[in-house]
Amino acid sequence: MIKNHLNVTLRKTFIVLLVLGFTACILPLNLAAYAFTNGQSATTVIGQSSFTTNDFTPNATRENSPIGLAFDSSGNLWVADDGNNRVLEYTAPFSNGEAATTVIGQPNFTSFAKATTATGENGTSGLAFDSSGNLWVADFYNSRVLEYKKPFSNGEAASLVIGQPNFTTNTSALTATGLHFPSSLKFDSSGNLWVVDEYNDRVLEYTAPFSNGEAATTVIGQPNFTTNNCVTTATELCVPYDLAFDSSGNLWVTDQDNKRVIEYTTPLSTGEAATTVIGQPNFTTNTSALTATGFIGPYGIAFDSSGNLWVTDQPGNRALEFLKGTGFTNGEAATTVIGQPSFTTGTGALTATGLNNPYGIGFDPSGNLWIVDFLNDRVLGYSLAQATVPEFPIAAILLVIGFASVTMLSRIKFRA
C-alpha cells in the first residue's frame, strides 16, 4: 500500500516538473525589479514651478536655500527652508510646484525674518519627528533644538528648547547643556534624541523624557563634553553634519572635513571608536576625491528600506548609494550616482538630472528618493525605476529542472 501511494506521488511529480521545464521554452517569464539608475531624472520638483527655475521669492510655492527634510507618519513632506527661517509642510500626493499647507517659524508664507523666540527661527536646518508625531527642528544660528507639538498650525510656538535655558537666548557653549550650530537630529529606537553639534565637532544624545535645557548623556566624536578636537582618528569628528541609524541601531555620521562617513556600533558610549569608514581607506586619511570610493564633502545621509546607504556629496553635486550586501566594508565603492552622469564628474546643473550643492536626503513611505537641492532652491523626488530581468535565465533554469526531472525519474521503476 505504501509503495502504491509512493508510485502515484512520483508520477504526479514527474508530470509537474516536465510541465514546468518545457513550458519555460514557450511562455516568457518576466520579473520586475525596481532600482535607481545612474544619472536618472527627477520626477517631482517641490519649491519651484519647473526643473529649470530657481526663484526664491518667499511664498507658499517657493523655497530659499532649503537644507533638511523629513516625512511625517502620513507621508507628508516637511522641508527646512533655511534662507526663509521656516519649516514648510507639503501634503501628499505631491505635484510639481505645489503650495505648502503649513508654515512653522513664521506667521505666514511671505515673512522670512530671523528671530530668537518661541515662534521664530534663525537658520532652520535638520528636521525629525518623534514617535508621537511631534516635530523637532535644529535651529542652527540660535544654537538650539526646538520641539513643536502636533496638531500643527501656522506660526505656532515651540513647546520645548534644548541647547539653551530659555527661548530668548542663543549663546553657543561647549558643555553638556550647550550647542554650537546644531545641523541635524534623529531619534533612536528607544526614543532618545541625537543631535549633530556641528561646530563643536560632536554628536550628542539626550535621554527621554525631555525638558528645557537638559544635559546630554552621551557624546560621540569627542572624549568628553568640554573638548572639540578636529582631527582624523577613529574616535574624533571634524565638522560633522548629518546622522542616521541603520536597522540594527548603529549610528552613522557624515564627517565633512574628514571627507568620510563613519559607523559607531551599538551600544553607544561616550568617546567610542568608529568601526567602519566609507569614503576613505582607513581612519587616518582625509583625502578629497571625486570617485566612486571618495567624497569631496559628505553632508546628508539616509538608509533605504533594503539597508543600503545613501550620502549626498555636497561639493560634488551628487548623491551616492553604497550597497549593504553582507555588510559594509572600509573604503567600499558606491554603486549608483544621482545628479551626475558618472562617478568622476561633479558639475552643478539646474535640470531634472542635475544638482547644485545637495544637502538633506531621505525616502518617502513608498521608497522614492528625495534630495534637498540647496543652491537650486528646491527639493527633488526620484521614483524607483522598473528594470525587467532578462527572460532567458528564468526559462533556462526551469528547463534544467524539467530535464533533470526526466533524468531522475527515468531511473525509477513505476509499479502498478
Protein backbone atom coordinates (compact mmCIF):
# COMPACT_ATOMS: atom_id res chain seq x y z
CA MET A 1 0.00 0.00 0.00
CA ILE A 2 2.79 2.35 0.87
CA LYS A 3 4.55 1.56 -2.41
CA ASN A 4 1.40 2.29 -4.44
CA HIS A 5 0.98 5.71 -2.79
CA LEU A 6 4.63 6.48 -3.50
CA ASN A 7 4.26 5.48 -7.13
CA VAL A 8 1.28 7.81 -7.61
CA THR A 9 3.16 10.68 -5.97
CA LEU A 10 6.20 10.13 -8.17
CA ARG A 11 4.05 10.09 -11.32
CA LYS A 12 2.47 13.42 -10.33
CA THR A 13 5.84 14.93 -9.55
CA PHE A 14 7.16 13.73 -12.89
CA ILE A 15 4.32 15.42 -14.77
CA VAL A 16 4.56 18.72 -12.86
CA LEU A 17 8.31 19.05 -13.34
CA LEU A 18 8.06 18.27 -17.04
CA VAL A 19 5.38 20.92 -17.48
CA LEU A 20 7.46 23.50 -15.60
CA GLY A 21 10.57 22.75 -17.57
CA PHE A 22 9.18 22.69 -21.08
CA THR A 23 6.65 25.48 -20.58
CA ALA A 24 9.59 27.80 -19.94
CA CYS A 25 10.52 27.42 -23.60
CA ILE A 26 7.23 28.81 -24.92
CA LEU A 27 5.96 31.13 -22.17
CA PRO A 28 8.17 34.17 -21.44
CA LEU A 29 8.50 34.88 -17.73
CA ASN A 30 9.34 38.42 -16.67
CA LEU A 31 10.32 39.51 -13.18
CA ALA A 32 10.05 43.23 -12.49
CA ALA A 33 12.73 44.77 -10.29
CA TYR A 34 12.87 48.35 -9.05
CA ALA A 35 16.02 50.37 -8.51
CA PHE A 36 17.60 53.77 -9.01
CA THR A 37 19.85 54.28 -12.01
CA ASN A 38 22.95 56.39 -12.61
CA GLY A 39 22.11 59.95 -13.58
CA GLN A 40 18.37 59.36 -13.62
CA SER A 41 15.95 62.27 -13.89
CA ALA A 42 13.90 63.56 -11.01
CA THR A 43 10.15 63.08 -11.43
CA THR A 44 8.93 65.71 -8.96
CA VAL A 45 10.13 69.19 -8.02
CA ILE A 46 9.00 71.00 -4.85
CA GLY A 47 9.85 74.64 -4.16
CA GLN A 48 9.93 75.64 -7.83
CA SER A 49 7.44 75.66 -10.70
CA SER A 50 9.69 73.63 -13.01
CA PHE A 51 13.06 71.86 -13.21
CA THR A 52 14.76 74.89 -14.76
CA THR A 53 13.70 77.72 -12.42
CA ASN A 54 15.10 78.81 -9.05
CA ASP A 55 13.03 81.79 -7.97
CA PHE A 56 13.42 82.21 -4.20
CA THR A 57 10.70 84.81 -3.57
CA PRO A 58 9.18 83.95 -0.16
CA ASN A 59 5.71 82.46 -0.64
CA ALA A 60 3.92 79.12 -0.33
CA THR A 61 5.39 77.67 -3.54
CA ARG A 62 9.00 78.88 -3.34
CA GLU A 63 11.99 77.96 -1.20
CA ASN A 64 15.23 79.76 -0.44
CA SER A 65 18.28 77.58 0.20
CA PRO A 66 16.47 74.60 1.74
CA ILE A 67 18.60 72.23 3.81
CA GLY A 68 16.76 69.41 5.57
CA LEU A 69 13.70 67.23 5.06
CA ALA A 70 11.56 64.70 6.89
CA PHE A 71 8.35 62.75 6.29
CA ASP A 72 5.61 62.52 8.91
CA SER A 73 3.60 59.37 9.61
CA SER A 74 1.05 60.36 6.94
CA GLY A 75 3.74 60.64 4.27
CA ASN A 76 3.63 64.44 4.09
CA LEU A 77 6.91 66.17 3.26
CA TRP A 78 8.42 68.74 5.64
CA VAL A 79 11.28 70.96 4.46
CA ALA A 80 13.69 73.15 6.43
CA ASP A 81 13.66 76.34 4.34
CA ASP A 82 16.88 77.77 5.73
CA GLY A 83 17.03 81.06 3.83
CA ASN A 84 13.49 81.93 4.90
CA ASN A 85 13.96 80.79 8.52
CA ARG A 86 10.97 78.47 8.44
CA VAL A 87 9.68 74.92 8.08
CA LEU A 88 7.16 74.09 5.34
CA GLU A 89 4.74 71.16 5.07
CA TYR A 90 3.70 69.79 1.67
CA THR A 91 0.75 67.41 1.63
CA ALA A 92 0.91 64.09 -0.23
CA PRO A 93 0.33 63.14 -3.02
CA PHE A 94 2.93 65.50 -4.40
CA SER A 95 2.87 67.50 -7.62
CA ASN A 96 5.36 69.82 -9.28
CA GLY A 97 5.39 73.27 -7.74
CA GLU A 98 2.63 72.55 -5.24
CA ALA A 99 1.95 75.03 -2.46
CA ALA A 100 2.90 74.35 1.14
CA THR A 101 -0.03 73.93 3.53
CA THR A 102 1.66 74.73 6.86
CA VAL A 103 4.45 77.08 7.91
CA ILE A 104 6.40 76.95 11.20
CA GLY A 105 8.85 79.65 12.27
CA GLN A 106 6.96 82.45 10.51
CA PRO A 107 3.44 83.87 10.99
CA ASN A 108 2.64 83.46 7.27
CA PHE A 109 4.10 82.34 3.94
CA THR A 110 5.57 85.70 2.93
CA SER A 111 7.54 86.53 6.07
CA PHE A 112 11.16 85.44 6.48
CA ALA A 113 12.62 87.40 9.42
CA LYS A 114 15.14 85.87 11.82
CA ALA A 115 14.10 85.62 15.46
CA THR A 116 15.16 84.18 18.80
CA THR A 117 11.74 83.48 20.26
CA ALA A 118 9.39 80.53 20.78
CA THR A 119 7.73 81.28 17.43
CA GLY A 120 10.79 82.26 15.39
CA GLU A 121 13.89 80.61 13.96
CA ASN A 122 17.29 81.63 12.62
CA GLY A 123 18.77 79.31 10.02
CA THR A 124 16.40 76.32 10.02
CA SER A 125 18.39 73.13 9.44
CA GLY A 126 17.62 69.50 10.39
CA LEU A 127 14.14 68.03 10.98
CA ALA A 128 12.85 64.91 12.72
CA PHE A 129 9.59 63.52 14.11
CA ASP A 130 9.35 61.68 17.42
CA SER A 131 7.17 58.61 17.96
CA SER A 132 4.24 60.85 18.98
CA GLY A 133 4.43 62.78 15.72
CA ASN A 134 5.83 65.97 17.24
CA LEU A 135 8.24 67.98 15.07
CA TRP A 136 11.80 68.70 16.21
CA VAL A 137 13.92 71.35 14.49
CA ALA A 138 17.64 72.15 14.58
CA ASP A 139 17.64 75.97 14.80
CA PHE A 140 21.20 76.41 13.56
CA TYR A 141 22.22 80.02 14.28
CA ASN A 142 20.26 80.10 17.52
CA SER A 143 22.34 77.11 18.72
CA ARG A 144 19.28 75.23 19.89
CA VAL A 145 16.79 72.48 19.13
CA LEU A 146 13.04 73.18 19.25
CA GLU A 147 10.03 70.90 19.68
CA TYR A 148 6.63 71.72 18.14
CA LYS A 149 3.60 69.76 19.30
CA LYS A 150 1.01 68.36 16.90
CA PRO A 151 -1.57 69.17 15.63
CA PHE A 152 0.41 71.84 13.83
CA SER A 153 -0.74 75.35 12.96
CA ASN A 154 0.84 78.25 11.12
CA GLY A 155 3.28 80.18 13.28
CA GLU A 156 2.77 78.04 16.37
CA ALA A 157 5.10 78.39 19.33
CA ALA A 158 7.68 75.77 20.25
CA SER A 159 6.92 73.84 23.42
CA LEU A 160 10.47 72.86 24.43
CA VAL A 161 14.04 74.03 23.85
CA ILE A 162 17.34 72.13 24.11
CA GLY A 163 20.76 73.79 23.99
CA GLN A 164 19.51 76.95 25.69
CA PRO A 165 17.96 77.65 29.12
CA ASN A 166 15.01 79.50 27.53
CA PHE A 167 13.53 80.65 24.20
CA THR A 168 15.19 84.08 24.09
CA THR A 169 18.88 83.20 24.43
CA ASN A 170 21.19 81.88 21.70
CA THR A 171 24.60 81.61 23.34
CA SER A 172 26.90 78.90 21.94
CA ALA A 173 28.60 76.67 24.50
CA LEU A 174 30.92 73.66 24.71
CA THR A 175 29.19 71.90 27.62
CA ALA A 176 26.73 69.07 28.22
CA THR A 177 23.85 71.57 28.11
CA GLY A 178 25.11 73.78 25.28
CA LEU A 179 25.26 73.62 21.49
CA HIS A 180 27.19 75.45 18.78
CA PHE A 181 25.28 75.49 15.49
CA PRO A 182 23.41 72.14 15.51
CA SER A 183 22.81 70.88 11.96
CA SER A 184 20.83 67.64 12.17
CA LEU A 185 18.91 65.40 14.54
CA LYS A 186 17.32 61.94 14.69
CA PHE A 187 15.61 59.66 17.22
CA ASP A 188 16.87 56.18 18.04
CA SER A 189 14.60 53.16 18.53
CA SER A 190 14.33 53.93 22.26
CA GLY A 191 13.03 57.43 21.60
CA ASN A 192 16.20 59.22 22.66
CA LEU A 193 17.22 62.31 20.70
CA TRP A 194 20.58 62.56 18.91
CA VAL A 195 21.87 65.91 17.67
CA VAL A 196 24.83 66.75 15.44
CA ASP A 197 26.56 69.66 17.20
CA GLU A 198 28.43 70.72 14.07
CA TYR A 199 30.78 73.44 15.29
CA ASN A 200 31.62 71.52 18.46
CA ASP A 201 32.70 68.53 16.31
CA ARG A 202 30.46 66.05 18.11
CA VAL A 203 27.15 64.18 18.28
CA LEU A 204 25.08 64.36 21.48
CA GLU A 205 22.42 62.07 22.94
CA TYR A 206 19.54 63.41 25.05
CA THR A 207 17.52 60.89 27.02
CA ALA A 208 13.71 60.97 27.10
CA PRO A 209 11.60 62.33 28.73
CA PHE A 210 12.88 65.72 27.60
CA SER A 211 12.98 69.02 29.46
CA ASN A 212 14.05 72.58 28.68
CA GLY A 213 17.82 73.00 28.70
CA GLU A 214 18.51 69.39 29.70
CA ALA A 215 22.03 67.99 29.64
CA ALA A 216 23.24 65.45 27.10
CA THR A 217 24.05 61.99 28.44
CA THR A 218 26.38 60.69 25.71
CA VAL A 219 28.91 62.34 23.41
CA ILE A 220 30.27 60.78 20.22
CA GLY A 221 33.27 62.21 18.36
CA GLN A 222 34.96 63.63 21.46
CA PRO A 223 36.30 62.08 24.68
CA ASN A 224 34.14 64.33 26.89
CA PHE A 225 31.68 67.25 26.86
CA THR A 226 34.28 70.04 27.04
CA THR A 227 36.65 69.22 24.17
CA ASN A 228 36.21 69.77 20.44
CA ASN A 229 39.32 68.39 18.77
CA CYS A 230 39.01 68.48 14.98
CA VAL A 231 41.29 65.61 13.94
CA THR A 232 41.29 62.48 11.79
CA THR A 233 41.01 59.40 14.00
CA ALA A 234 38.50 56.65 14.74
CA THR A 235 37.35 58.41 17.91
CA GLU A 236 37.03 62.02 16.78
CA LEU A 237 35.00 64.06 14.31
CA CYS A 238 35.81 67.20 12.33
CA VAL A 239 32.74 69.29 11.44
CA PRO A 240 30.14 66.51 11.27
CA TYR A 241 26.86 67.33 9.53
CA ASP A 242 24.21 64.60 9.49
CA LEU A 243 23.44 61.28 11.15
CA ALA A 244 21.29 58.20 10.63
CA PHE A 245 20.59 54.90 12.36
CA ASP A 246 20.65 51.59 10.49
CA SER A 247 18.17 48.79 11.18
CA SER A 248 20.48 47.36 13.87
CA GLY A 249 20.60 50.65 15.77
CA ASN A 250 24.16 51.50 14.77
CA LEU A 251 24.93 55.21 14.37
CA TRP A 252 26.29 56.60 11.09
CA VAL A 253 27.69 60.14 10.80
CA THR A 254 28.81 62.27 7.86
CA ASP A 255 32.19 63.71 8.87
CA GLN A 256 32.53 66.64 6.46
CA ASP A 257 36.07 67.90 6.85
CA ASN A 258 37.41 64.36 7.10
CA LYS A 259 35.56 63.56 3.86
CA ARG A 260 34.13 60.32 5.17
CA VAL A 261 31.12 58.57 6.66
CA ILE A 262 31.72 56.54 9.81
CA GLU A 263 29.76 53.93 11.75
CA TYR A 264 29.56 53.59 15.53
CA THR A 265 28.32 50.24 16.78
CA THR A 266 25.59 49.91 19.40
CA PRO A 267 25.53 50.01 22.40
CA LEU A 268 26.80 53.57 22.02
CA SER A 269 29.07 55.10 24.65
CA THR A 270 30.94 58.35 25.19
CA GLY A 271 34.10 58.66 23.10
CA GLU A 272 33.79 55.24 21.47
CA ALA A 273 35.74 54.41 18.32
CA ALA A 274 34.11 54.06 14.92
CA THR A 275 34.09 50.58 13.41
CA THR A 276 33.55 51.29 9.69
CA VAL A 277 34.65 54.09 7.38
CA ILE A 278 33.27 54.94 3.93
CA GLY A 279 34.99 57.45 1.65
CA GLN A 280 38.48 56.71 2.97
CA PRO A 281 40.60 53.53 3.03
CA ASN A 282 41.23 53.90 6.78
CA PHE A 283 40.55 56.12 9.82
CA THR A 284 43.63 58.34 9.50
CA THR A 285 43.30 59.68 5.95
CA ASN A 286 41.04 62.51 4.77
CA THR A 287 41.77 62.80 1.06
CA SER A 288 39.23 64.55 -1.15
CA ALA A 289 38.26 62.53 -4.25
CA LEU A 290 35.59 62.75 -6.93
CA THR A 291 35.39 58.99 -7.46
CA ALA A 292 33.20 56.02 -6.56
CA THR A 293 35.23 55.47 -3.39
CA GLY A 294 35.73 59.08 -2.31
CA PHE A 295 33.92 62.26 -1.28
CA ILE A 296 34.53 65.97 -1.76
CA GLY A 297 32.34 66.73 1.25
CA PRO A 298 29.64 64.35 2.54
CA TYR A 299 26.55 66.04 4.02
CA GLY A 300 23.18 64.23 4.09
CA ILE A 301 22.78 60.56 4.97
CA ALA A 302 19.92 58.04 4.88
CA PHE A 303 19.20 54.33 4.57
CA ASP A 304 16.69 52.88 2.12
CA SER A 305 14.31 50.04 3.02
CA SER A 306 16.90 47.46 1.90
CA GLY A 307 19.52 48.87 4.26
CA ASN A 308 21.62 50.46 1.53
CA LEU A 309 23.44 53.66 2.48
CA TRP A 310 22.84 56.95 0.63
CA VAL A 311 25.03 60.04 1.02
CA THR A 312 24.92 63.49 -0.56
CA ASP A 313 28.37 64.67 -1.63
CA GLN A 314 27.58 68.38 -1.48
CA PRO A 315 30.54 69.99 -3.31
CA GLY A 316 30.47 67.07 -5.77
CA ASN A 317 26.86 67.93 -6.69
CA ARG A 318 25.79 64.31 -6.39
CA ALA A 319 24.27 61.61 -4.21
CA LEU A 320 25.88 58.18 -3.86
CA GLU A 321 24.47 54.76 -2.99
CA PHE A 322 26.54 52.12 -1.18
CA LEU A 323 25.11 48.60 -1.19
CA LYS A 324 24.79 46.82 2.11
CA GLY A 325 25.26 43.33 0.73
CA THR A 326 26.51 41.13 3.55
CA GLY A 327 27.78 44.22 5.35
CA PHE A 328 29.61 47.47 4.64
CA THR A 329 33.39 47.42 4.29
CA ASN A 330 36.01 50.11 4.79
CA GLY A 331 36.54 52.18 1.66
CA GLU A 332 33.93 50.37 -0.42
CA ALA A 333 32.84 51.83 -3.75
CA ALA A 334 29.48 53.41 -4.47
CA THR A 335 27.24 51.56 -6.92
CA THR A 336 24.86 54.34 -8.00
CA VAL A 337 25.27 58.08 -8.57
CA ILE A 338 22.44 60.62 -8.80
CA GLY A 339 22.98 64.18 -10.07
CA GLN A 340 25.86 63.25 -12.35
CA PRO A 341 26.29 61.02 -15.42
CA SER A 342 29.33 59.29 -13.89
CA PHE A 343 31.36 58.93 -10.69
CA THR A 344 34.07 61.32 -11.88
CA THR A 345 32.01 64.37 -12.85
CA GLY A 346 30.78 66.99 -10.40
CA THR A 347 29.30 69.91 -12.34
CA GLY A 348 26.30 71.67 -10.80
CA ALA A 349 23.21 71.99 -13.01
CA LEU A 350 19.67 73.36 -12.91
CA THR A 351 17.96 70.46 -14.71
CA ALA A 352 15.93 67.36 -13.91
CA THR A 353 19.12 65.30 -13.85
CA GLY A 354 21.39 67.81 -12.13
CA LEU A 355 22.05 69.02 -8.59
CA ASN A 356 23.76 72.08 -7.13
CA ASN A 357 25.09 71.60 -3.59
CA PRO A 358 22.67 68.94 -2.30
CA TYR A 359 22.16 68.70 1.46
CA GLY A 360 19.42 66.56 3.01
CA ILE A 361 18.37 63.18 1.67
CA GLY A 362 15.60 60.74 2.58
CA PHE A 363 12.94 58.29 1.44
CA ASP A 364 9.16 58.55 1.47
CA PRO A 365 6.97 55.63 2.64
CA SER A 366 6.83 54.28 -0.94
CA GLY A 367 10.62 54.08 -1.18
CA ASN A 368 11.06 57.03 -3.52
CA LEU A 369 14.23 59.08 -3.08
CA TRP A 370 14.14 62.78 -2.13
CA ILE A 371 17.09 65.18 -2.20
CA VAL A 372 17.29 68.77 -0.97
CA ASP A 373 18.96 70.75 -3.78
CA PHE A 374 20.30 73.71 -1.77
CA LEU A 375 21.60 76.21 -4.34
CA ASN A 376 18.79 75.39 -6.78
CA ASP A 377 16.25 76.31 -4.08
CA ARG A 378 14.24 73.11 -4.43
CA VAL A 379 13.59 69.55 -3.31
CA LEU A 380 13.63 66.77 -5.91
CA GLY A 381 11.80 63.43 -5.88
CA TYR A 382 13.14 60.40 -7.77
CA SER A 383 10.82 57.48 -8.48
CA LEU A 384 12.01 53.92 -8.33
CA ALA A 385 12.67 52.84 -11.91
CA GLN A 386 11.41 49.49 -13.18
CA ALA A 387 14.00 47.17 -14.66
CA THR A 388 12.94 43.91 -16.31
CA VAL A 389 15.01 40.84 -15.56
CA PRO A 390 16.01 39.07 -18.83
CA GLU A 391 13.69 36.23 -19.77
CA PHE A 392 16.28 33.66 -20.85
CA PRO A 393 17.88 32.89 -17.47
CA ILE A 394 14.46 32.17 -15.93
CA ALA A 395 13.47 29.88 -18.80
CA ALA A 396 16.83 28.16 -18.72
CA ILE A 397 16.57 27.45 -15.02
CA LEU A 398 13.13 25.91 -15.34
CA LEU A 399 14.19 23.95 -18.41
CA VAL A 400 17.09 22.46 -16.48
CA ILE A 401 14.64 21.48 -13.76
CA GLY A 402 12.50 19.75 -16.37
CA PHE A 403 15.34 17.77 -17.93
CA ALA A 404 16.72 16.93 -14.50
CA SER A 405 13.34 15.52 -13.60
CA VAL A 406 13.38 13.35 -16.71
CA THR A 407 16.84 12.01 -15.91
CA MET A 408 16.00 11.35 -12.28
CA LEU A 409 12.61 9.77 -12.83
CA SER A 410 13.73 7.62 -15.78
CA ARG A 411 15.71 5.59 -13.28
CA ILE A 412 12.66 4.87 -11.14
CA LYS A 413 10.55 1.87 -11.98
CA PHE A 414 6.83 2.53 -11.52
CA ARG A 415 4.78 -0.42 -10.28
CA ALA A 416 1.03 -0.62 -10.74
